[in-house]
């Protein structure tokens, strides 16, 4: 089980998401975070993969076709850090 940490950016984005009324994405995000926190492998439908370049320390999974979650896992201290979420256009500017 991982300890969860939330970046300030993630907290702001999550608050906006909850206020937007997109309940399906909020529910799907909760399910994914729960799986990640348990150390479980995500099902293929989430297209989970490690990023490259400037974001090489991050992983990305698809909560919905154009809604992504960026996260980091620090295995030596058992921490899952939720970094950011949003659409491709918002995250890859």
C-alpha atoms as a PDB file:
ATOM      1  CA  UNK A   1       0.000   0.000   0.000  1.00  0.00           C
ATOM      2  CA  UNK A   2       1.350   3.412  -0.980  1.00  0.00           C
ATOM      3  CA  UNK A   3       1.046   6.617   1.006  1.00  0.00           C
ATOM      4  CA  UNK A   4      -0.793   9.151  -1.172  1.00  0.00           C
ATOM      5  CA  UNK A   5       0.547  12.648  -1.731  1.00  0.00           C
ATOM      6  CA  UNK A   6      -1.141  15.307  -3.826  1.00  0.00           C
ATOM      7  CA  UNK A   7       0.666  18.129  -5.610  1.00  0.00           C
ATOM      8  CA  UNK A   8      -0.878  21.592  -5.319  1.00  0.00           C
ATOM      9  CA  UNK A   9      -1.534  21.504  -9.061  1.00  0.00           C
ATOM     10  CA  UNK A  10      -3.437  18.231  -8.712  1.00  0.00           C
ATOM     11  CA  UNK A  11      -5.502  19.614  -5.810  1.00  0.00           C
ATOM     12  CA  UNK A  12      -6.577  22.632  -7.893  1.00  0.00           C
ATOM     13  CA  UNK A  13      -7.405  20.477 -10.914  1.00  0.00           C
ATOM     14  CA  UNK A  14      -9.375  18.009  -8.805  1.00  0.00           C
ATOM     15  CA  UNK A  15     -11.420  20.808  -7.235  1.00  0.00           C
ATOM     16  CA  UNK A  16     -12.276  22.164 -10.709  1.00  0.00           C
ATOM     17  CA  UNK A  17     -13.193  18.678 -11.902  1.00  0.00           C
ATOM     18  CA  UNK A  18     -15.569  18.073  -8.974  1.00  0.00           C
ATOM     19  CA  UNK A  19     -17.268  21.445  -9.509  1.00  0.00           C
ATOM     20  CA  UNK A  20     -17.688  20.749 -13.228  1.00  0.00           C
ATOM     21  CA  UNK A  21     -20.232  17.988 -12.594  1.00  0.00           C
ATOM     22  CA  UNK A  22     -18.252  15.336 -14.499  1.00  0.00           C
ATOM     23  CA  UNK A  23     -19.209  12.561 -12.080  1.00  0.00           C
ATOM     24  CA  UNK A  24     -18.170   9.706 -14.368  1.00  0.00           C
ATOM     25  CA  UNK A  25     -14.602  10.997 -14.565  1.00  0.00           C
ATOM     26  CA  UNK A  26     -14.486  11.675 -10.802  1.00  0.00           C
ATOM     27  CA  UNK A  27     -15.664   8.099 -10.110  1.00  0.00           C
ATOM     28  CA  UNK A  28     -13.221   6.606 -12.619  1.00  0.00           C
ATOM     29  CA  UNK A  29     -10.377   8.677 -11.146  1.00  0.00           C
ATOM     30  CA  UNK A  30     -11.216   7.418  -7.645  1.00  0.00           C
ATOM     31  CA  UNK A  31     -11.145   3.822  -8.867  1.00  0.00           C
ATOM     32  CA  UNK A  32      -7.762   4.300 -10.573  1.00  0.00           C
ATOM     33  CA  UNK A  33      -6.203   6.032  -7.557  1.00  0.00           C
ATOM     34  CA  UNK A  34      -7.458   3.222  -5.322  1.00  0.00           C
ATOM     35  CA  UNK A  35      -5.830   0.600  -7.567  1.00  0.00           C
ATOM     36  CA  UNK A  36      -2.570   2.547  -7.757  1.00  0.00           C
ATOM     37  CA  UNK A  37      -2.472   3.068  -3.985  1.00  0.00           C
ATOM     38  CA  UNK A  38      -2.799  -0.694  -3.498  1.00  0.00           C
ATOM     39  CA  UNK A  39       0.111  -1.278  -5.884  1.00  0.00           C
ATOM     40  CA  UNK A  40      -2.145  -3.127  -8.330  1.00  0.00           C
ATOM     41  CA  UNK A  41      -1.528  -3.263 -12.071  1.00  0.00           C
ATOM     42  CA  UNK A  42      -4.014  -1.092 -13.962  1.00  0.00           C
ATOM     43  CA  UNK A  43      -6.216  -2.788 -16.575  1.00  0.00           C
ATOM     44  CA  UNK A  44      -5.159  -2.216 -20.200  1.00  0.00           C
ATOM     45  CA  UNK A  45      -8.106   0.118 -20.823  1.00  0.00           C
ATOM     46  CA  UNK A  46      -6.225   2.851 -18.907  1.00  0.00           C
ATOM     47  CA  UNK A  47      -3.209   2.779 -21.282  1.00  0.00           C
ATOM     48  CA  UNK A  48      -0.807   3.149 -18.365  1.00  0.00           C
ATOM     49  CA  UNK A  49       2.747   4.033 -19.450  1.00  0.00           C
ATOM     50  CA  UNK A  50       5.923   5.803 -18.390  1.00  0.00           C
ATOM     51  CA  UNK A  51       6.555   9.203 -19.950  1.00  0.00           C
ATOM     52  CA  UNK A  52       9.780  10.363 -21.605  1.00  0.00           C
ATOM     53  CA  UNK A  53      11.688  13.611 -21.993  1.00  0.00           C
ATOM     54  CA  UNK A  54      11.149  16.285 -19.341  1.00  0.00           C
ATOM     55  CA  UNK A  55       8.490  14.093 -17.698  1.00  0.00           C
ATOM     56  CA  UNK A  56      10.595  10.917 -17.575  1.00  0.00           C
ATOM     57  CA  UNK A  57       9.968  10.492 -13.842  1.00  0.00           C
ATOM     58  CA  UNK A  58       6.185  10.431 -14.344  1.00  0.00           C
ATOM     59  CA  UNK A  59       3.670   7.822 -15.373  1.00  0.00           C
ATOM     60  CA  UNK A  60       0.466   8.581 -17.260  1.00  0.00           C
ATOM     61  CA  UNK A  61      -2.841   6.763 -17.507  1.00  0.00           C
ATOM     62  CA  UNK A  62      -6.045   7.601 -19.353  1.00  0.00           C
ATOM     63  CA  UNK A  63      -9.048   8.065 -17.078  1.00  0.00           C
ATOM     64  CA  UNK A  64     -11.151   8.840 -20.186  1.00  0.00           C
ATOM     65  CA  UNK A  65     -10.079   9.155 -23.851  1.00  0.00           C
ATOM     66  CA  UNK A  66      -8.918  12.757 -23.337  1.00  0.00           C
ATOM     67  CA  UNK A  67      -8.560  12.913 -19.542  1.00  0.00           C
ATOM     68  CA  UNK A  68      -5.153  11.954 -18.176  1.00  0.00           C
ATOM     69  CA  UNK A  69      -3.605  11.391 -14.769  1.00  0.00           C
ATOM     70  CA  UNK A  70       0.115  12.036 -14.203  1.00  0.00           C
ATOM     71  CA  UNK A  71       1.650  10.352 -11.186  1.00  0.00           C
ATOM     72  CA  UNK A  72       4.985   9.356  -9.668  1.00  0.00           C
ATOM     73  CA  UNK A  73       5.860   6.334  -7.575  1.00  0.00           C
ATOM     74  CA  UNK A  74       8.722   6.552  -5.129  1.00  0.00           C
ATOM     75  CA  UNK A  75       9.304   2.871  -4.402  1.00  0.00           C
ATOM     76  CA  UNK A  76      11.997   3.293  -1.778  1.00  0.00           C
ATOM     77  CA  UNK A  77       9.680   5.321   0.473  1.00  0.00           C
ATOM     78  CA  UNK A  78       6.381   3.798  -0.718  1.00  0.00           C
ATOM     79  CA  UNK A  79       4.763   7.041  -1.882  1.00  0.00           C
ATOM     80  CA  UNK A  80       2.338   7.592  -4.750  1.00  0.00           C
ATOM     81  CA  UNK A  81       2.303  11.273  -5.735  1.00  0.00           C
ATOM     82  CA  UNK A  82      -0.580  12.479  -7.888  1.00  0.00           C
ATOM     83  CA  UNK A  83       1.009  15.203 -10.008  1.00  0.00           C
ATOM     84  CA  UNK A  84      -1.556  16.520 -12.495  1.00  0.00           C
ATOM     85  CA  UNK A  85      -4.629  15.657 -14.533  1.00  0.00           C
ATOM     86  CA  UNK A  86      -6.485  17.111 -17.473  1.00  0.00           C
ATOM     87  CA  UNK A  87      -6.795  16.885 -21.230  1.00  0.00           C
ATOM     88  CA  UNK A  88      -3.867  16.346 -23.608  1.00  0.00           C
ATOM     89  CA  UNK A  89      -4.128  19.984 -24.673  1.00  0.00           C
ATOM     90  CA  UNK A  90      -3.903  21.262 -21.099  1.00  0.00           C
ATOM     91  CA  UNK A  91      -1.082  18.992 -19.960  1.00  0.00           C
ATOM     92  CA  UNK A  92       1.193  19.063 -23.006  1.00  0.00           C
ATOM     93  CA  UNK A  93       1.408  22.798 -23.703  1.00  0.00           C
END
